[in-house]
Protein backbone atom coordinates (compact mmCIF):
# COMPACT_ATOMS: atom_id res chain seq x y z
CA MET A 1 -10.60 -12.02 -7.45
CA ARG A 2 -11.39 -15.42 -5.89
CA PRO A 3 -14.20 -17.51 -7.53
CA ALA A 4 -16.37 -16.98 -4.56
CA ALA A 5 -16.11 -13.47 -4.28
CA LEU A 6 -16.81 -13.23 -7.95
CA ALA A 7 -19.74 -15.32 -7.75
CA SER A 8 -21.23 -13.59 -4.76
CA LEU A 9 -20.84 -10.19 -6.81
CA PHE A 10 -22.30 -11.56 -9.68
CA PHE A 11 -25.36 -12.93 -7.75
CA LEU A 12 -25.70 -9.48 -5.95
CA LEU A 13 -25.73 -7.65 -9.23
CA SER A 14 -28.15 -9.87 -10.93
CA LEU A 15 -30.44 -9.59 -7.96
CA VAL A 16 -30.35 -5.97 -8.39
CA LEU A 17 -31.00 -5.84 -11.94
CA VAL A 18 -33.76 -8.80 -12.05
CA VAL A 19 -35.73 -6.72 -9.28
CA THR A 20 -35.26 -3.11 -10.45
CA VAL A 21 -35.59 -2.94 -14.02
CA PRO A 22 -38.48 -0.77 -15.01
CA VAL A 23 -41.21 -1.97 -17.40
CA ALA A 24 -43.99 -0.20 -18.90
CA SER A 25 -46.45 -2.72 -17.93
CA ALA A 26 -47.61 -4.19 -14.47
CA SER A 27 -46.48 -7.78 -15.48
CA VAL A 28 -43.08 -7.25 -13.99
CA ALA A 29 -41.36 -10.48 -12.57
CA GLY A 30 -42.72 -10.93 -8.81
CA VAL A 31 -45.39 -8.29 -9.05
CA PRO A 32 -48.73 -9.96 -8.46
CA PRO A 33 -51.55 -9.29 -11.12
CA THR A 34 -54.34 -7.29 -9.42
CA SER A 35 -58.04 -6.23 -10.11
CA ALA A 36 -58.42 -4.19 -7.08
CA PRO A 37 -59.23 -0.74 -7.57
CA TRP A 38 -56.83 2.34 -7.06
CA VAL A 39 -57.66 4.36 -4.00
CA THR A 40 -56.51 8.24 -3.90
CA ILE A 41 -53.92 8.66 -1.36
CA THR A 42 -55.16 11.27 1.22
CA ASN A 43 -52.08 11.85 3.66
CA ILE A 44 -49.60 12.16 0.74
CA GLY A 45 -47.04 14.11 2.89
CA ASP A 46 -46.47 10.78 4.62
CA ASP A 47 -42.68 9.87 4.87
CA LEU A 48 -43.65 6.48 3.17
CA TYR A 49 -44.41 7.94 0.00
CA ARG A 50 -41.43 10.26 0.10
CA GLN A 51 -39.47 7.05 0.34
CA VAL A 52 -41.36 5.40 -2.47
CA GLY A 53 -40.40 8.50 -4.45
CA ARG A 54 -36.77 8.31 -3.76
CA PHE A 55 -36.52 4.75 -4.49
CA ALA A 56 -38.17 5.42 -7.94
CA LEU A 57 -35.60 8.20 -8.55
CA LEU A 58 -32.57 6.07 -7.68
CA MET A 59 -33.73 3.05 -9.59
CA ARG A 60 -34.21 5.05 -12.80
CA ALA A 61 -30.76 6.66 -12.20
CA LEU A 62 -29.06 3.10 -11.49
CA VAL A 63 -31.14 0.95 -14.06
CA LEU A 64 -31.29 3.44 -17.10
CA ARG A 65 -27.81 5.01 -16.21
CA GLU A 66 -29.25 8.60 -16.26
CA GLU A 67 -28.67 11.58 -13.96
CA TYR A 68 -30.04 11.09 -10.67
CA LEU A 69 -32.75 13.61 -10.00
CA ASP A 70 -33.36 15.25 -6.43
CA LEU A 71 -37.20 14.71 -5.28
CA VAL A 72 -38.59 18.08 -4.64
CA GLN A 73 -42.18 17.07 -3.89
CA VAL A 74 -44.71 14.13 -4.16
CA LEU A 75 -47.74 15.82 -5.60
CA SER A 76 -50.20 13.36 -5.92
CA GLY A 77 -50.56 9.53 -5.59
CA SER A 78 -52.82 6.32 -5.42
CA VAL A 79 -52.52 2.88 -4.09
CA GLN A 80 -53.77 -0.52 -5.13
CA ALA A 81 -53.52 -3.83 -3.21
CA ALA A 82 -51.58 -6.45 -5.19
CA GLY A 83 -50.58 -9.72 -3.30
CA VAL A 84 -48.88 -9.43 -0.07
CA GLY A 85 -47.93 -5.79 -1.20
CA ASN A 86 -49.39 -2.59 -2.95
CA ASN A 87 -48.67 -0.70 -6.09
CA TYR A 88 -47.99 3.14 -5.53
CA SER A 89 -48.52 5.30 -8.34
CA LEU A 90 -47.04 8.65 -7.63
CA LEU A 91 -46.74 11.84 -9.26
CA LEU A 92 -43.38 13.39 -8.53
CA LEU A 93 -41.65 16.77 -8.85
CA ALA A 94 -37.88 16.10 -9.08
CA ALA A 95 -34.87 18.53 -9.95
CA ASP A 96 -31.91 17.89 -11.90
CA ARG A 97 -28.42 18.95 -10.97
CA ASN A 98 -29.04 22.32 -12.51
CA GLY A 99 -32.34 22.95 -10.29
CA THR A 100 -34.61 22.32 -13.56
CA VAL A 101 -37.70 20.92 -11.95
CA GLY A 102 -39.79 18.24 -13.94
CA THR A 103 -43.00 16.11 -13.35
CA TYR A 104 -42.56 12.36 -13.29
CA LYS A 105 -44.97 9.50 -12.69
CA ALA A 106 -43.51 6.48 -11.01
CA VAL A 107 -45.39 3.30 -10.17
CA ALA A 108 -43.65 0.93 -7.71
CA TRP A 109 -44.55 -2.25 -5.77
CA GLY A 110 -43.75 -3.00 -2.21
CA VAL A 111 -44.40 -3.93 1.27
CA PRO A 112 -43.98 -1.22 3.53
CA ARG A 113 -41.36 -2.33 6.80
CA SER A 114 -40.72 -5.56 5.36
CA ARG A 115 -37.22 -6.82 4.64
CA ASP A 116 -38.42 -9.89 3.23
CA TRP A 117 -39.83 -8.57 0.14
CA PRO A 118 -37.76 -6.23 -2.12
CA TRP A 119 -39.15 -3.17 -3.75
CA LYS A 120 -39.72 -3.16 -7.63
CA LEU A 121 -40.00 0.03 -9.83
CA VAL A 122 -42.72 -1.23 -12.40
CA ASP A 123 -42.87 2.01 -14.48
CA PHE A 124 -41.32 5.60 -14.67
CA GLN A 125 -41.93 8.23 -16.90
CA ARG A 126 -41.48 11.69 -17.51
CA VAL A 127 -44.87 13.57 -17.61
CA VAL A 128 -44.68 16.47 -20.09
CA ALA A 129 -46.87 19.56 -19.45
CA PRO A 130 -49.44 20.40 -21.91
CA SER A 131 -49.00 23.19 -24.41
CA PRO A 132 -50.91 26.41 -23.27
CA GLY A 133 -54.32 26.25 -24.53
CA THR A 134 -54.56 22.66 -24.80
CA GLU A 135 -55.57 21.72 -21.43
CA PRO A 136 -58.91 20.24 -20.87
CA GLY A 137 -61.58 22.94 -21.36
CA SER A 138 -59.37 25.54 -22.37
CA GLN A 139 -60.18 27.93 -25.33
CA LEU A 140 -57.75 27.85 -28.25
CA PRO A 141 -56.65 31.25 -29.41
CA GLY A 142 -58.24 32.84 -32.54
């Protein structure tokens, strides 16, 4: 492989890794700190939130080298102004290749409809359903 082509390939790979590595805090490189409040998304069926959800699932698969999950539904979410973009916190239902559905929380930062600002995955985690009888307000047997 020619040195120029190799350098271009290395640059593109490093850009993808720097831009998309999920971290458990909002201090991801390039994501502005914010003190703005989180606002509940009322139109959760909007295509923008499905796109953000699919982005989060794709980055999870690429960066963590885990099985790709198919987005089933965006259950709920909230948005927070952060610099020129927004933080999006979404609760997702996603299915593996066997059809097993799980619940996941994804936080991503981005600027909708902009090609100047790459999207970033800030956090991604599986949400474990509570055991029966442990939900807030429920009665324990016995």
